[in-house]
Amino acid sequence: DGDTLLLERDPENPFDPNAIKVLDPTTRQHLGFVAKEIAVEIAAEMDGGMIANCTVSLAAGKGTILAITTSHE
């Protein structure tokens, strides 16, 4: 809990054009994806330059909850 992770758009994802990857900030290892229901809400804004960051607020296996914050450049 409390770890900061990177978010990166993945528009070429064959399953979801709104996909947003979750990455380890040190190794850039791909850890998973933001839930589709959330990604669809912020993908276009990220494509337009919005910066999205996240921290782990509850680590529970596959159900990890991320707190996402946004800002504009």
C-alpha atoms as a PDB file:
ATOM      1  CA  ASP A   1       0.000   0.000   0.000  1.00  0.00           C
ATOM      2  CA  GLY A   2       1.186   3.528  -0.764  1.00  0.00           C
ATOM      3  CA  ASP A   3       3.499   2.621  -3.660  1.00  0.00           C
ATOM      4  CA  THR A   4       3.500   5.046  -6.581  1.00  0.00           C
ATOM      5  CA  LEU A   5       3.142   3.490 -10.025  1.00  0.00           C
ATOM      6  CA  LEU A   6       3.295   4.846 -13.575  1.00  0.00           C
ATOM      7  CA  LEU A   7       0.377   4.963 -15.988  1.00  0.00           C
ATOM      8  CA  GLU A   8       1.013   4.783 -19.730  1.00  0.00           C
ATOM      9  CA  ARG A   9      -1.488   4.757 -22.588  1.00  0.00           C
ATOM     10  CA  ASP A  10      -1.570   1.654 -24.796  1.00  0.00           C
ATOM     11  CA  PRO A  11      -3.697   2.766 -27.781  1.00  0.00           C
ATOM     12  CA  GLU A  12      -2.468  -0.130 -29.936  1.00  0.00           C
ATOM     13  CA  ASN A  13      -3.888  -2.707 -27.484  1.00  0.00           C
ATOM     14  CA  PRO A  14      -5.880  -5.192 -29.611  1.00  0.00           C
ATOM     15  CA  PHE A  15      -8.481  -5.745 -26.871  1.00  0.00           C
ATOM     16  CA  ASP A  16      -9.142  -2.159 -25.752  1.00  0.00           C
ATOM     17  CA  PRO A  17      -8.193   1.042 -27.611  1.00  0.00           C
ATOM     18  CA  ASN A  18      -8.567   2.942 -24.300  1.00  0.00           C
ATOM     19  CA  ALA A  19      -6.115   0.659 -22.473  1.00  0.00           C
ATOM     20  CA  ILE A  20      -3.833   2.190 -19.847  1.00  0.00           C
ATOM     21  CA  LYS A  21      -0.863   0.170 -18.612  1.00  0.00           C
ATOM     22  CA  VAL A  22       0.280   0.168 -14.993  1.00  0.00           C
ATOM     23  CA  LEU A  23       4.100   0.083 -14.769  1.00  0.00           C
ATOM     24  CA  ASP A  24       6.713  -0.239 -12.046  1.00  0.00           C
ATOM     25  CA  PRO A  25       8.395   3.211 -11.878  1.00  0.00           C
ATOM     26  CA  THR A  26      11.888   1.773 -11.442  1.00  0.00           C
ATOM     27  CA  THR A  27      11.979  -1.124 -13.888  1.00  0.00           C
ATOM     28  CA  ARG A  28       9.042  -0.094 -16.124  1.00  0.00           C
ATOM     29  CA  GLN A  29       7.845  -3.694 -15.774  1.00  0.00           C
ATOM     30  CA  HIS A  30       4.258  -4.037 -16.968  1.00  0.00           C
ATOM     31  CA  LEU A  31       2.146  -4.903 -13.901  1.00  0.00           C
ATOM     32  CA  GLY A  32      -1.354  -4.809 -15.360  1.00  0.00           C
ATOM     33  CA  PHE A  33      -4.010  -2.473 -16.701  1.00  0.00           C
ATOM     34  CA  VAL A  34      -6.351   0.149 -15.303  1.00  0.00           C
ATOM     35  CA  ALA A  35      -9.928  -1.214 -15.267  1.00  0.00           C
ATOM     36  CA  LYS A  36     -11.760  -0.613 -18.571  1.00  0.00           C
ATOM     37  CA  GLU A  37     -14.475   1.367 -16.802  1.00  0.00           C
ATOM     38  CA  ILE A  38     -11.882   3.871 -15.564  1.00  0.00           C
ATOM     39  CA  ALA A  39      -9.650   3.846 -18.657  1.00  0.00           C
ATOM     40  CA  VAL A  40     -12.520   4.875 -20.927  1.00  0.00           C
ATOM     41  CA  GLU A  41     -13.027   7.975 -18.774  1.00  0.00           C
ATOM     42  CA  ILE A  42      -9.421   9.262 -18.896  1.00  0.00           C
ATOM     43  CA  ALA A  43      -7.795   7.769 -22.038  1.00  0.00           C
ATOM     44  CA  ALA A  44      -8.703  10.650 -24.359  1.00  0.00           C
ATOM     45  CA  GLU A  45      -7.509  13.204 -21.817  1.00  0.00           C
ATOM     46  CA  MET A  46      -4.184  11.362 -21.452  1.00  0.00           C
ATOM     47  CA  ASP A  47      -3.867  11.377 -25.258  1.00  0.00           C
ATOM     48  CA  GLY A  48      -4.348  15.151 -25.088  1.00  0.00           C
ATOM     49  CA  GLY A  49      -1.465  15.639 -22.658  1.00  0.00           C
ATOM     50  CA  MET A  50      -3.032  15.095 -19.256  1.00  0.00           C
ATOM     51  CA  ILE A  51      -0.649  13.428 -16.819  1.00  0.00           C
ATOM     52  CA  ALA A  52      -2.120  10.637 -14.697  1.00  0.00           C
ATOM     53  CA  ASN A  53      -0.346   9.172 -11.683  1.00  0.00           C
ATOM     54  CA  CYS A  54      -1.474   6.496  -9.300  1.00  0.00           C
ATOM     55  CA  THR A  55      -0.726   5.080  -5.900  1.00  0.00           C
ATOM     56  CA  VAL A  56      -1.747   1.718  -4.526  1.00  0.00           C
ATOM     57  CA  SER A  57      -4.433   2.289  -1.919  1.00  0.00           C
ATOM     58  CA  LEU A  58      -5.311  -1.365  -1.303  1.00  0.00           C
ATOM     59  CA  ALA A  59      -3.255  -4.312  -2.521  1.00  0.00           C
ATOM     60  CA  ALA A  60      -5.562  -7.305  -2.721  1.00  0.00           C
ATOM     61  CA  GLY A  61      -4.229  -9.603  -5.417  1.00  0.00           C
ATOM     62  CA  LYS A  62      -6.143  -9.208  -8.678  1.00  0.00           C
ATOM     63  CA  GLY A  63      -8.419  -6.637  -7.069  1.00  0.00           C
ATOM     64  CA  THR A  64      -5.729  -4.038  -6.344  1.00  0.00           C
ATOM     65  CA  ILE A  65      -7.245  -0.579  -5.942  1.00  0.00           C
ATOM     66  CA  LEU A  66      -5.367   2.381  -7.389  1.00  0.00           C
ATOM     67  CA  ALA A  67      -5.940   6.004  -6.446  1.00  0.00           C
ATOM     68  CA  ILE A  68      -5.499   7.948  -9.700  1.00  0.00           C
ATOM     69  CA  THR A  69      -4.676  11.647  -9.726  1.00  0.00           C
ATOM     70  CA  THR A  70      -4.485  13.827 -12.819  1.00  0.00           C
ATOM     71  CA  SER A  71      -2.893  17.095 -13.852  1.00  0.00           C
ATOM     72  CA  HIS A  72      -2.332  19.032 -17.069  1.00  0.00           C
ATOM     73  CA  GLU A  73       1.092  19.951 -18.408  1.00  0.00           C
END
